[in-house]
Amino acid sequence: MVTVEHKDQTAFAVWITGLPASGKSTVTRALVRQLNERGIHPAVLESDTLRKIFSTQPSYDEQDREYFYGAIAFIGRVLTEHGIPVIFDATANLRSYRDRARLQIPNFIEVFVDSPLQTCIERDPKHIYKDAAQGRAAHVPGLQVPYEPPIQPDVVIFGDREDPEDAAKHVITTLNQRHFVAIRGNNL
């Protein structure tokens, strides 16, 4: 396996997946902070932000998602090929979307933020589930369209009860065990 280095960084990708409002973004922020403290500066590919760039009026149907997740997998591949670590903060409700990135990026791990649907509905910071209940959203993963959790995620985080800082440390430990990052001693 060939690794690309850039400014003493090894390129890797972490895809953080889970239902909407499962805690993906909270874990991502903790992970970025902890990696930065270790001198590793990943690019974050956050789906809500990127959707606004790729489409002014996304439909969120299967065809739209197929294009969108293919595009961000491509961006992630290009970044890692240039030595920039990547964190995908994206639901990617079908396994095939995440698997496409895994096939393109050699140093890849998948993190599943496992939160019960009811917890996600109660959190609902972006009102996704509320919009679905009121007929303003028709393609919400876990409600109107399937969410396929990873079959063998590299890391499982329980978003309803696990501290995001501890979860981020678990991800870093996995990156270290895979030799995607070199962190020694008490730096974990």
N, C-alpha and C. Protein backbone atom coordinates (compact mmCIF):
# COMPACT_ATOMS: atom_id res chain seq x y z
N MET A 1 0.84 -1.17 0.00
CA MET A 1 0.00 0.00 0.00
C MET A 1 0.89 1.24 0.00
N VAL A 2 0.61 2.17 -0.88
CA VAL A 2 1.39 3.38 -1.00
C VAL A 2 0.72 4.49 -0.20
N THR A 3 1.49 5.19 0.61
CA THR A 3 0.95 6.34 1.31
C THR A 3 1.59 7.59 0.76
N VAL A 4 0.82 8.65 0.72
CA VAL A 4 1.29 9.92 0.21
C VAL A 4 1.53 10.83 1.40
N GLU A 5 2.66 11.50 1.43
CA GLU A 5 2.97 12.36 2.56
C GLU A 5 2.98 13.81 2.11
N HIS A 6 2.51 14.67 2.98
CA HIS A 6 2.46 16.10 2.73
C HIS A 6 2.69 16.80 4.05
N LYS A 7 3.75 17.55 4.15
CA LYS A 7 4.05 18.27 5.39
C LYS A 7 4.03 17.33 6.60
N ASP A 8 4.71 16.21 6.48
CA ASP A 8 4.80 15.21 7.54
C ASP A 8 3.45 14.59 7.91
N GLN A 9 2.50 14.58 7.01
CA GLN A 9 1.22 13.96 7.26
C GLN A 9 1.06 12.77 6.32
N THR A 10 0.45 11.72 6.79
CA THR A 10 0.08 10.61 5.94
C THR A 10 -1.38 10.80 5.58
N ALA A 11 -1.70 10.64 4.32
CA ALA A 11 -3.08 10.82 3.88
C ALA A 11 -3.93 9.63 4.28
N PHE A 12 -5.09 9.92 4.83
CA PHE A 12 -6.07 8.91 5.19
C PHE A 12 -7.44 9.55 5.06
N ALA A 13 -8.47 8.71 5.11
CA ALA A 13 -9.84 9.21 5.12
C ALA A 13 -10.62 8.50 6.20
N VAL A 14 -11.46 9.26 6.88
CA VAL A 14 -12.38 8.74 7.88
C VAL A 14 -13.78 9.15 7.43
N TRP A 15 -14.64 8.16 7.21
CA TRP A 15 -16.03 8.48 6.86
C TRP A 15 -16.86 8.27 8.11
N ILE A 16 -17.45 9.34 8.61
CA ILE A 16 -18.31 9.27 9.80
C ILE A 16 -19.75 9.26 9.31
N THR A 17 -20.42 8.13 9.53
CA THR A 17 -21.77 7.93 9.05
C THR A 17 -22.71 7.63 10.21
N GLY A 18 -23.98 7.82 9.96
CA GLY A 18 -25.02 7.55 10.94
C GLY A 18 -26.27 8.30 10.50
N LEU A 19 -27.36 8.04 11.15
CA LEU A 19 -28.60 8.74 10.84
C LEU A 19 -28.44 10.25 11.01
N PRO A 20 -29.27 11.03 10.35
CA PRO A 20 -29.26 12.47 10.64
C PRO A 20 -29.50 12.70 12.14
N ALA A 21 -28.74 13.60 12.71
CA ALA A 21 -28.83 13.97 14.14
C ALA A 21 -28.30 12.88 15.07
N SER A 22 -27.50 11.95 14.54
CA SER A 22 -26.94 10.88 15.37
C SER A 22 -25.75 11.36 16.21
N GLY A 23 -25.12 12.47 15.80
CA GLY A 23 -23.96 12.98 16.50
C GLY A 23 -22.71 13.03 15.64
N LYS A 24 -22.86 12.83 14.33
CA LYS A 24 -21.71 12.81 13.42
C LYS A 24 -20.89 14.08 13.49
N SER A 25 -21.55 15.22 13.41
CA SER A 25 -20.82 16.50 13.39
C SER A 25 -20.14 16.79 14.71
N THR A 26 -20.74 16.39 15.81
CA THR A 26 -20.13 16.59 17.12
C THR A 26 -18.86 15.76 17.24
N VAL A 27 -18.92 14.52 16.80
CA VAL A 27 -17.74 13.65 16.81
C VAL A 27 -16.69 14.20 15.85
N THR A 28 -17.12 14.67 14.69
CA THR A 28 -16.17 15.25 13.73
C THR A 28 -15.42 16.42 14.34
N ARG A 29 -16.12 17.32 14.99
CA ARG A 29 -15.46 18.48 15.60
C ARG A 29 -14.44 18.04 16.65
N ALA A 30 -14.79 17.07 17.47
CA ALA A 30 -13.85 16.57 18.49
C ALA A 30 -12.65 15.90 17.83
N LEU A 31 -12.89 15.15 16.78
CA LEU A 31 -11.80 14.47 16.08
C LEU A 31 -10.86 15.47 15.43
N VAL A 32 -11.40 16.47 14.77
CA VAL A 32 -10.56 17.49 14.14
C VAL A 32 -9.71 18.20 15.19
N ARG A 33 -10.32 18.57 16.30
CA ARG A 33 -9.59 19.26 17.37
C ARG A 33 -8.44 18.39 17.89
N GLN A 34 -8.72 17.12 18.14
CA GLN A 34 -7.69 16.24 18.68
C GLN A 34 -6.59 15.96 17.65
N LEU A 35 -6.95 15.82 16.39
CA LEU A 35 -5.92 15.64 15.37
C LEU A 35 -5.07 16.90 15.22
N ASN A 36 -5.71 18.06 15.23
CA ASN A 36 -4.96 19.32 15.16
C ASN A 36 -3.96 19.44 16.29
N GLU A 37 -4.36 19.02 17.49
CA GLU A 37 -3.46 19.06 18.65
C GLU A 37 -2.24 18.17 18.43
N ARG A 38 -2.37 17.19 17.56
CA ARG A 38 -1.26 16.27 17.26
C ARG A 38 -0.53 16.66 15.98
N GLY A 39 -0.85 17.84 15.45
CA GLY A 39 -0.18 18.32 14.25
C GLY A 39 -0.71 17.76 12.95
N ILE A 40 -1.88 17.15 12.98
CA ILE A 40 -2.51 16.59 11.79
C ILE A 40 -3.71 17.47 11.45
N HIS A 41 -3.76 17.95 10.21
CA HIS A 41 -4.76 18.93 9.83
C HIS A 41 -5.61 18.42 8.66
N PRO A 42 -6.70 17.72 8.99
CA PRO A 42 -7.54 17.14 7.94
C PRO A 42 -8.48 18.16 7.31
N ALA A 43 -8.86 17.88 6.08
CA ALA A 43 -9.95 18.61 5.43
C ALA A 43 -11.24 17.91 5.82
N VAL A 44 -12.27 18.68 6.14
CA VAL A 44 -13.57 18.11 6.48
C VAL A 44 -14.50 18.30 5.30
N LEU A 45 -15.04 17.20 4.79
CA LEU A 45 -16.02 17.24 3.71
C LEU A 45 -17.39 17.00 4.36
N GLU A 46 -18.05 18.09 4.68
CA GLU A 46 -19.32 18.05 5.40
C GLU A 46 -20.45 18.14 4.38
N SER A 47 -21.34 17.17 4.39
CA SER A 47 -22.32 17.03 3.32
C SER A 47 -23.25 18.24 3.19
N ASP A 48 -23.74 18.79 4.28
CA ASP A 48 -24.67 19.92 4.18
C ASP A 48 -24.01 21.12 3.50
N THR A 49 -22.76 21.37 3.83
CA THR A 49 -22.03 22.49 3.22
C THR A 49 -21.79 22.24 1.74
N LEU A 50 -21.33 21.03 1.41
CA LEU A 50 -21.02 20.72 0.02
C LEU A 50 -22.27 20.67 -0.86
N ARG A 51 -23.38 20.23 -0.32
CA ARG A 51 -24.63 20.19 -1.10
C ARG A 51 -25.00 21.58 -1.61
N LYS A 52 -24.77 22.58 -0.78
CA LYS A 52 -25.09 23.96 -1.18
C LYS A 52 -24.24 24.40 -2.36
N ILE A 53 -23.05 23.83 -2.48
CA ILE A 53 -22.16 24.17 -3.59
C ILE A 53 -22.55 23.39 -4.85
N PHE A 54 -22.84 22.10 -4.70
CA PHE A 54 -23.14 21.25 -5.84
C PHE A 54 -24.54 21.45 -6.41
N SER A 55 -25.48 21.88 -5.57
CA SER A 55 -26.86 22.01 -6.03
C SER A 55 -27.59 23.05 -5.20
N THR A 56 -28.21 24.00 -5.89
CA THR A 56 -28.97 25.02 -5.15
C THR A 56 -30.30 24.46 -4.66
N GLN A 57 -30.80 23.43 -5.34
CA GLN A 57 -32.06 22.81 -4.92
C GLN A 57 -31.94 21.28 -5.00
N PRO A 58 -31.22 20.69 -4.04
CA PRO A 58 -31.07 19.24 -4.09
C PRO A 58 -32.41 18.53 -3.89
N SER A 59 -32.57 17.42 -4.60
CA SER A 59 -33.83 16.66 -4.47
C SER A 59 -33.72 15.59 -3.39
N TYR A 60 -32.50 15.17 -3.07
CA TYR A 60 -32.24 14.12 -2.09
C TYR A 60 -32.78 12.76 -2.52
N ASP A 61 -33.19 12.62 -3.78
CA ASP A 61 -33.63 11.31 -4.24
C ASP A 61 -32.40 10.45 -4.52
N GLU A 62 -32.62 9.21 -4.92
CA GLU A 62 -31.50 8.28 -5.10
C GLU A 62 -30.52 8.76 -6.17
N GLN A 63 -31.03 9.31 -7.26
CA GLN A 63 -30.15 9.79 -8.33
C GLN A 63 -29.30 10.97 -7.85
N ASP A 64 -29.91 11.89 -7.14
CA ASP A 64 -29.19 13.04 -6.58
C ASP A 64 -28.11 12.57 -5.61
N ARG A 65 -28.47 11.63 -4.74
CA ARG A 65 -27.50 11.13 -3.76
C ARG A 65 -26.37 10.36 -4.44
N GLU A 66 -26.68 9.58 -5.45
CA GLU A 66 -25.65 8.82 -6.17
C GLU A 66 -24.61 9.78 -6.74
N TYR A 67 -25.07 10.85 -7.37
CA TYR A 67 -24.15 11.84 -7.94
C TYR A 67 -23.36 12.53 -6.82
N PHE A 68 -24.07 12.99 -5.81
CA PHE A 68 -23.44 13.77 -4.74
C PHE A 68 -22.36 12.96 -4.01
N TYR A 69 -22.68 11.76 -3.58
CA TYR A 69 -21.70 10.97 -2.83
C TYR A 69 -20.56 10.49 -3.72
N GLY A 70 -20.83 10.29 -5.00
CA GLY A 70 -19.75 9.99 -5.93
C GLY A 70 -18.79 11.17 -6.05
N ALA A 71 -19.36 12.37 -6.09
CA ALA A 71 -18.53 13.58 -6.20
C ALA A 71 -17.67 13.79 -4.96
N ILE A 72 -18.25 13.60 -3.77
CA ILE A 72 -17.42 13.84 -2.59
C ILE A 72 -16.40 12.72 -2.38
N ALA A 73 -16.72 11.50 -2.81
CA ALA A 73 -15.71 10.43 -2.76
C ALA A 73 -14.54 10.79 -3.66
N PHE A 74 -14.83 11.33 -4.84
CA PHE A 74 -13.78 11.76 -5.76
C PHE A 74 -12.93 12.86 -5.14
N ILE A 75 -13.57 13.84 -4.54
CA ILE A 75 -12.82 14.93 -3.89
C ILE A 75 -11.93 14.37 -2.78
N GLY A 76 -12.48 13.47 -1.99
CA GLY A 76 -11.69 12.84 -0.93
C GLY A 76 -10.50 12.10 -1.47
N ARG A 77 -10.69 11.39 -2.57
CA ARG A 77 -9.58 10.67 -3.19
C ARG A 77 -8.49 11.63 -3.66
N VAL A 78 -8.90 12.71 -4.33
CA VAL A 78 -7.92 13.68 -4.83
C VAL A 78 -7.15 14.31 -3.67
N LEU A 79 -7.86 14.68 -2.62
CA LEU A 79 -7.18 15.29 -1.46
C LEU A 79 -6.17 14.32 -0.85
N THR A 80 -6.59 13.07 -0.65
CA THR A 80 -5.66 12.12 -0.03
C THR A 80 -4.48 11.82 -0.94
N GLU A 81 -4.71 11.80 -2.25
CA GLU A 81 -3.60 11.60 -3.18
C GLU A 81 -2.58 12.74 -3.09
N HIS A 82 -3.02 13.90 -2.64
CA HIS A 82 -2.14 15.04 -2.47
C HIS A 82 -1.68 15.20 -1.02
N GLY A 83 -1.86 14.15 -0.23
CA GLY A 83 -1.33 14.14 1.12
C GLY A 83 -2.18 14.82 2.17
N ILE A 84 -3.42 15.12 1.84
CA ILE A 84 -4.29 15.82 2.80
C ILE A 84 -5.26 14.81 3.40
N PRO A 85 -5.20 14.61 4.72
CA PRO A 85 -6.17 13.72 5.36
C PRO A 85 -7.59 14.29 5.22
N VAL A 86 -8.57 13.41 5.17
CA VAL A 86 -9.95 13.81 4.94
C VAL A 86 -10.86 13.18 5.98
N ILE A 87 -11.81 13.96 6.45
CA ILE A 87 -12.90 13.43 7.27
C ILE A 87 -14.20 13.73 6.53
N PHE A 88 -14.94 12.68 6.19
CA PHE A 88 -16.26 12.83 5.59
C PHE A 88 -17.27 12.88 6.74
N ASP A 89 -18.00 13.96 6.85
CA ASP A 89 -19.09 14.10 7.82
C ASP A 89 -20.37 14.03 7.00
N ALA A 90 -20.84 12.81 6.74
CA ALA A 90 -21.93 12.64 5.79
C ALA A 90 -22.70 11.35 6.08
N THR A 91 -24.02 11.44 6.08
CA THR A 91 -24.86 10.28 6.34
C THR A 91 -24.60 9.17 5.33
N ALA A 92 -24.63 9.49 4.04
CA ALA A 92 -24.45 8.48 2.98
C ALA A 92 -25.27 7.24 3.33
N ASN A 93 -26.58 7.35 3.16
CA ASN A 93 -27.50 6.35 3.68
C ASN A 93 -27.35 4.95 3.10
N LEU A 94 -26.76 4.83 1.90
CA LEU A 94 -26.54 3.50 1.33
C LEU A 94 -25.08 3.10 1.46
N ARG A 95 -24.84 1.85 1.78
CA ARG A 95 -23.47 1.35 1.92
C ARG A 95 -22.66 1.58 0.65
N SER A 96 -23.30 1.46 -0.49
CA SER A 96 -22.58 1.59 -1.77
C SER A 96 -21.91 2.95 -1.89
N TYR A 97 -22.50 4.00 -1.32
CA TYR A 97 -21.89 5.33 -1.38
C TYR A 97 -20.56 5.34 -0.62
N ARG A 98 -20.57 4.76 0.57
CA ARG A 98 -19.37 4.74 1.40
C ARG A 98 -18.34 3.75 0.84
N ASP A 99 -18.85 2.62 0.32
CA ASP A 99 -17.94 1.62 -0.26
C ASP A 99 -17.18 2.19 -1.46
N ARG A 100 -17.82 3.07 -2.21
CA ARG A 100 -17.15 3.69 -3.36
C ARG A 100 -15.92 4.46 -2.88
N ALA A 101 -16.06 5.20 -1.80
CA ALA A 101 -14.91 5.94 -1.26
C ALA A 101 -13.85 4.97 -0.74
N ARG A 102 -14.29 3.92 -0.06
CA ARG A 102 -13.33 2.93 0.47
C ARG A 102 -12.50 2.31 -0.66
N LEU A 103 -13.13 2.05 -1.80
CA LEU A 103 -12.41 1.46 -2.93
C LEU A 103 -11.42 2.45 -3.56
N GLN A 104 -11.70 3.73 -3.46
CA GLN A 104 -10.86 4.75 -4.08
C GLN A 104 -9.72 5.23 -3.19
N ILE A 105 -9.88 5.07 -1.89
CA ILE A 105 -8.91 5.65 -0.94
C ILE A 105 -8.29 4.51 -0.13
N PRO A 106 -6.99 4.26 -0.33
CA PRO A 106 -6.36 3.11 0.35
C PRO A 106 -6.42 3.17 1.88
N ASN A 107 -6.13 4.29 2.48
CA ASN A 107 -6.10 4.41 3.95
C ASN A 107 -7.44 4.96 4.41
N PHE A 108 -8.41 4.08 4.57
CA PHE A 108 -9.80 4.47 4.80
C PHE A 108 -10.35 3.72 6.00
N ILE A 109 -11.05 4.45 6.86
CA ILE A 109 -11.82 3.79 7.92
C ILE A 109 -13.23 4.37 7.93
N GLU A 110 -14.16 3.51 8.33
CA GLU A 110 -15.56 3.90 8.42
C GLU A 110 -15.96 3.89 9.89
N VAL A 111 -16.53 5.00 10.32
CA VAL A 111 -16.98 5.18 11.70
C VAL A 111 -18.50 5.27 11.69
N PHE A 112 -19.13 4.41 12.45
CA PHE A 112 -20.60 4.38 12.54
C PHE A 112 -21.02 5.00 13.86
N VAL A 113 -21.73 6.12 13.77
CA VAL A 113 -22.31 6.74 14.96
C VAL A 113 -23.71 6.15 15.10
N ASP A 114 -23.81 5.20 16.00
CA ASP A 114 -25.03 4.42 16.21
C ASP A 114 -25.89 5.10 17.27
N SER A 115 -26.96 5.71 16.82
CA SER A 115 -27.92 6.35 17.73
C SER A 115 -29.31 5.86 17.37
N PRO A 116 -30.13 5.56 18.36
CA PRO A 116 -31.50 5.12 18.05
C PRO A 116 -32.26 6.22 17.29
N LEU A 117 -33.11 5.81 16.38
CA LEU A 117 -33.90 6.76 15.59
C LEU A 117 -34.65 7.73 16.50
N GLN A 118 -35.24 7.23 17.58
CA GLN A 118 -36.01 8.11 18.47
C GLN A 118 -35.13 9.20 19.07
N THR A 119 -33.89 8.88 19.42
CA THR A 119 -32.96 9.88 19.94
C THR A 119 -32.68 10.94 18.88
N CYS A 120 -32.48 10.50 17.65
CA CYS A 120 -32.22 11.44 16.55
C CYS A 120 -33.42 12.35 16.32
N ILE A 121 -34.61 11.78 16.36
CA ILE A 121 -35.84 12.58 16.19
C ILE A 121 -35.96 13.61 17.30
N GLU A 122 -35.64 13.23 18.52
CA GLU A 122 -35.73 14.16 19.65
C GLU A 122 -34.69 15.27 19.55
N ARG A 123 -33.50 14.96 19.05
CA ARG A 123 -32.45 15.98 18.90
C ARG A 123 -32.82 16.94 17.77
N ASP A 124 -32.89 16.41 16.57
CA ASP A 124 -33.31 17.10 15.35
C ASP A 124 -32.90 18.57 15.26
N PRO A 125 -31.61 18.90 15.37
CA PRO A 125 -31.20 20.31 15.36
C PRO A 125 -31.50 21.04 14.05
N LYS A 126 -31.58 20.31 12.95
CA LYS A 126 -31.84 20.95 11.65
C LYS A 126 -33.30 20.78 11.22
N HIS A 127 -34.13 20.23 12.09
CA HIS A 127 -35.57 20.04 11.85
C HIS A 127 -35.86 19.13 10.66
N ILE A 128 -34.95 18.20 10.41
CA ILE A 128 -35.12 17.26 9.30
C ILE A 128 -36.33 16.35 9.55
N TYR A 129 -36.41 15.80 10.73
CA TYR A 129 -37.50 14.87 11.04
C TYR A 129 -38.83 15.62 11.16
N LYS A 130 -38.78 16.81 11.71
CA LYS A 130 -39.99 17.64 11.80
C LYS A 130 -40.51 17.95 10.40
N ASP A 131 -39.59 18.33 9.49
CA ASP A 131 -39.99 18.61 8.12
C ASP A 131 -40.60 17.36 7.47
N ALA A 132 -40.04 16.20 7.74
CA ALA A 132 -40.59 14.96 7.18
C ALA A 132 -42.00 14.72 7.72
N ALA A 133 -42.19 14.91 9.01
CA ALA A 133 -43.50 14.69 9.63
C ALA A 133 -44.55 15.65 9.08
N GLN A 134 -44.10 16.83 8.66
CA GLN A 134 -45.03 17.84 8.14
C GLN A 134 -45.11 17.84 6.61
N GLY A 135 -44.50 16.83 5.97
CA GLY A 135 -44.60 16.70 4.54
C GLY A 135 -43.69 17.62 3.74
N ARG A 136 -42.73 18.27 4.38
CA ARG A 136 -41.82 19.19 3.69
C ARG A 136 -40.51 18.52 3.27
N ALA A 137 -40.31 17.27 3.68
CA ALA A 137 -39.12 16.50 3.30
C ALA A 137 -39.59 15.08 2.98
N ALA A 138 -39.14 14.56 1.84
CA ALA A 138 -39.64 13.27 1.39
C ALA A 138 -38.59 12.17 1.33
N HIS A 139 -37.35 12.49 1.66
CA HIS A 139 -36.29 11.50 1.50
C HIS A 139 -35.38 11.45 2.72
N VAL A 140 -35.94 11.37 3.90
CA VAL A 140 -35.14 11.38 5.13
C VAL A 140 -34.70 9.95 5.46
N PRO A 141 -33.37 9.74 5.54
CA PRO A 141 -32.86 8.41 5.88
C PRO A 141 -33.38 7.95 7.25
N GLY A 142 -33.83 6.72 7.28
CA GLY A 142 -34.37 6.16 8.51
C GLY A 142 -35.87 6.29 8.61
N LEU A 143 -36.45 7.19 7.79
CA LEU A 143 -37.90 7.37 7.76
C LEU A 143 -38.46 6.96 6.40
N GLN A 144 -38.29 7.83 5.41
CA GLN A 144 -38.86 7.55 4.09
C GLN A 144 -37.92 6.77 3.17
N VAL A 145 -36.63 6.84 3.42
CA VAL A 145 -35.66 6.06 2.64
C VAL A 145 -34.81 5.26 3.62
N PRO A 146 -34.27 4.14 3.17
CA PRO A 146 -33.50 3.30 4.10
C PRO A 146 -32.18 3.96 4.50
N TYR A 147 -31.74 3.61 5.69
CA TYR A 147 -30.36 3.89 6.11
C TYR A 147 -29.72 2.53 6.32
N GLU A 148 -28.66 2.26 5.58
CA GLU A 148 -27.96 0.98 5.69
C GLU A 148 -26.72 1.18 6.55
N PRO A 149 -26.77 0.72 7.80
CA PRO A 149 -25.58 0.85 8.64
C PRO A 149 -24.45 -0.01 8.10
N PRO A 150 -23.23 0.36 8.41
CA PRO A 150 -22.10 -0.46 7.96
C PRO A 150 -22.22 -1.88 8.50
N ILE A 151 -21.81 -2.85 7.68
CA ILE A 151 -21.82 -4.24 8.12
C ILE A 151 -20.67 -4.50 9.07
N GLN A 152 -19.50 -3.99 8.75
CA GLN A 152 -18.32 -4.14 9.60
C GLN A 152 -17.59 -2.80 9.72
N PRO A 153 -18.17 -1.87 10.48
CA PRO A 153 -17.49 -0.58 10.63
C PRO A 153 -16.16 -0.76 11.36
N ASP A 154 -15.24 0.13 11.07
CA ASP A 154 -13.95 0.08 11.74
C ASP A 154 -14.05 0.57 13.18
N VAL A 155 -14.99 1.49 13.41
CA VAL A 155 -15.24 2.03 14.75
C VAL A 155 -16.74 2.21 14.91
N VAL A 156 -17.28 1.83 16.07
CA VAL A 156 -18.67 2.09 16.40
C VAL A 156 -18.70 3.04 17.59
N ILE A 157 -19.48 4.09 17.44
CA ILE A 157 -19.66 5.08 18.50
C ILE A 157 -21.14 5.08 18.85
N PHE A 158 -21.45 5.03 20.11
CA PHE A 158 -22.85 5.07 20.54
C PHE A 158 -23.20 6.53 20.81
N GLY A 159 -23.80 7.17 19.81
CA GLY A 159 -24.05 8.60 19.83
C GLY A 159 -25.01 9.06 20.90
N ASP A 160 -25.79 8.15 21.46
CA ASP A 160 -26.74 8.54 22.50
C ASP A 160 -26.14 8.46 23.90
N ARG A 161 -24.94 7.89 24.02
CA ARG A 161 -24.40 7.76 25.38
C ARG A 161 -22.88 7.90 25.48
N GLU A 162 -22.17 7.99 24.36
CA GLU A 162 -20.72 8.06 24.40
C GLU A 162 -20.26 9.51 24.29
N ASP A 163 -19.30 9.88 25.11
CA ASP A 163 -18.73 11.23 25.08
C ASP A 163 -17.99 11.44 23.75
N PRO A 164 -18.26 12.54 23.05
CA PRO A 164 -17.61 12.76 21.75
C PRO A 164 -16.08 12.81 21.84
N GLU A 165 -15.54 13.34 22.92
CA GLU A 165 -14.08 13.38 23.07
C GLU A 165 -13.51 11.97 23.18
N ASP A 166 -14.18 11.11 23.95
CA ASP A 166 -13.73 9.72 24.06
C ASP A 166 -13.89 9.00 22.71
N ALA A 167 -14.98 9.30 22.02
CA ALA A 167 -15.21 8.69 20.71
C ALA A 167 -14.10 9.08 19.73
N ALA A 168 -13.72 10.35 19.74
CA ALA A 168 -12.64 10.82 18.86
C ALA A 168 -11.33 10.12 19.19
N LYS A 169 -11.05 9.92 20.48
CA LYS A 169 -9.84 9.19 20.87
C LYS A 169 -9.86 7.77 20.33
N HIS A 170 -11.03 7.16 20.34
CA HIS A 170 -11.16 5.80 19.81
C HIS A 170 -10.83 5.77 18.31
N VAL A 171 -11.29 6.78 17.58
CA VAL A 171 -10.99 6.87 16.15
C VAL A 171 -9.49 7.04 15.95
N ILE A 172 -8.87 7.91 16.73
CA ILE A 172 -7.43 8.14 16.61
C ILE A 172 -6.65 6.87 16.93
N THR A 173 -7.10 6.14 17.94
CA THR A 173 -6.45 4.87 18.27
C THR A 173 -6.51 3.92 17.08
N THR A 174 -7.66 3.86 16.42
CA THR A 174 -7.81 3.00 15.25
C THR A 174 -6.90 3.46 14.12
N LEU A 175 -6.82 4.77 13.87
CA LEU A 175 -5.92 5.30 12.85
C LEU A 175 -4.47 4.92 13.17
N ASN A 176 -4.11 5.00 14.43
CA ASN A 176 -2.76 4.65 14.86
C ASN A 176 -2.51 3.15 14.67
N GLN A 177 -3.46 2.32 15.05
CA GLN A 177 -3.31 0.86 14.90
C GLN A 177 -3.16 0.45 13.44
N ARG A 178 -3.79 1.19 12.55
CA ARG A 178 -3.70 0.89 11.12
C ARG A 178 -2.45 1.52 10.49
N HIS A 179 -1.70 2.25 11.29
CA HIS A 179 -0.50 2.95 10.82
C HIS A 179 -0.82 4.06 9.83
N PHE A 180 -2.01 4.63 9.95
CA PHE A 180 -2.38 5.78 9.12
C PHE A 180 -1.87 7.07 9.74
N VAL A 181 -1.69 7.06 11.05
CA VAL A 181 -1.05 8.16 11.77
C VAL A 181 -0.04 7.54 12.72
N ALA A 182 0.99 8.29 13.02
CA ALA A 182 2.01 7.81 13.96
C ALA A 182 1.91 8.63 15.22
N ILE A 183 1.27 8.04 16.23
CA ILE A 183 1.10 8.70 17.50
C ILE A 183 1.65 7.75 18.56
N ARG A 184 2.57 8.23 19.32
CA ARG A 184 3.23 7.36 20.29
C ARG A 184 3.01 7.86 21.72
N GLY A 185 3.26 6.95 22.63
CA GLY A 185 3.27 7.32 24.06
C GLY A 185 1.91 7.75 24.56
N ASN A 186 1.90 8.81 25.35
CA ASN A 186 0.68 9.29 26.00
C ASN A 186 -0.11 10.24 25.13
N ASN A 187 0.24 10.37 23.86
CA ASN A 187 -0.46 11.30 22.98
C ASN A 187 -1.83 10.81 22.55
N LEU A 188 -2.20 9.58 22.86
CA LEU A 188 -3.52 9.09 22.55
C LEU A 188 -4.46 9.61 23.57
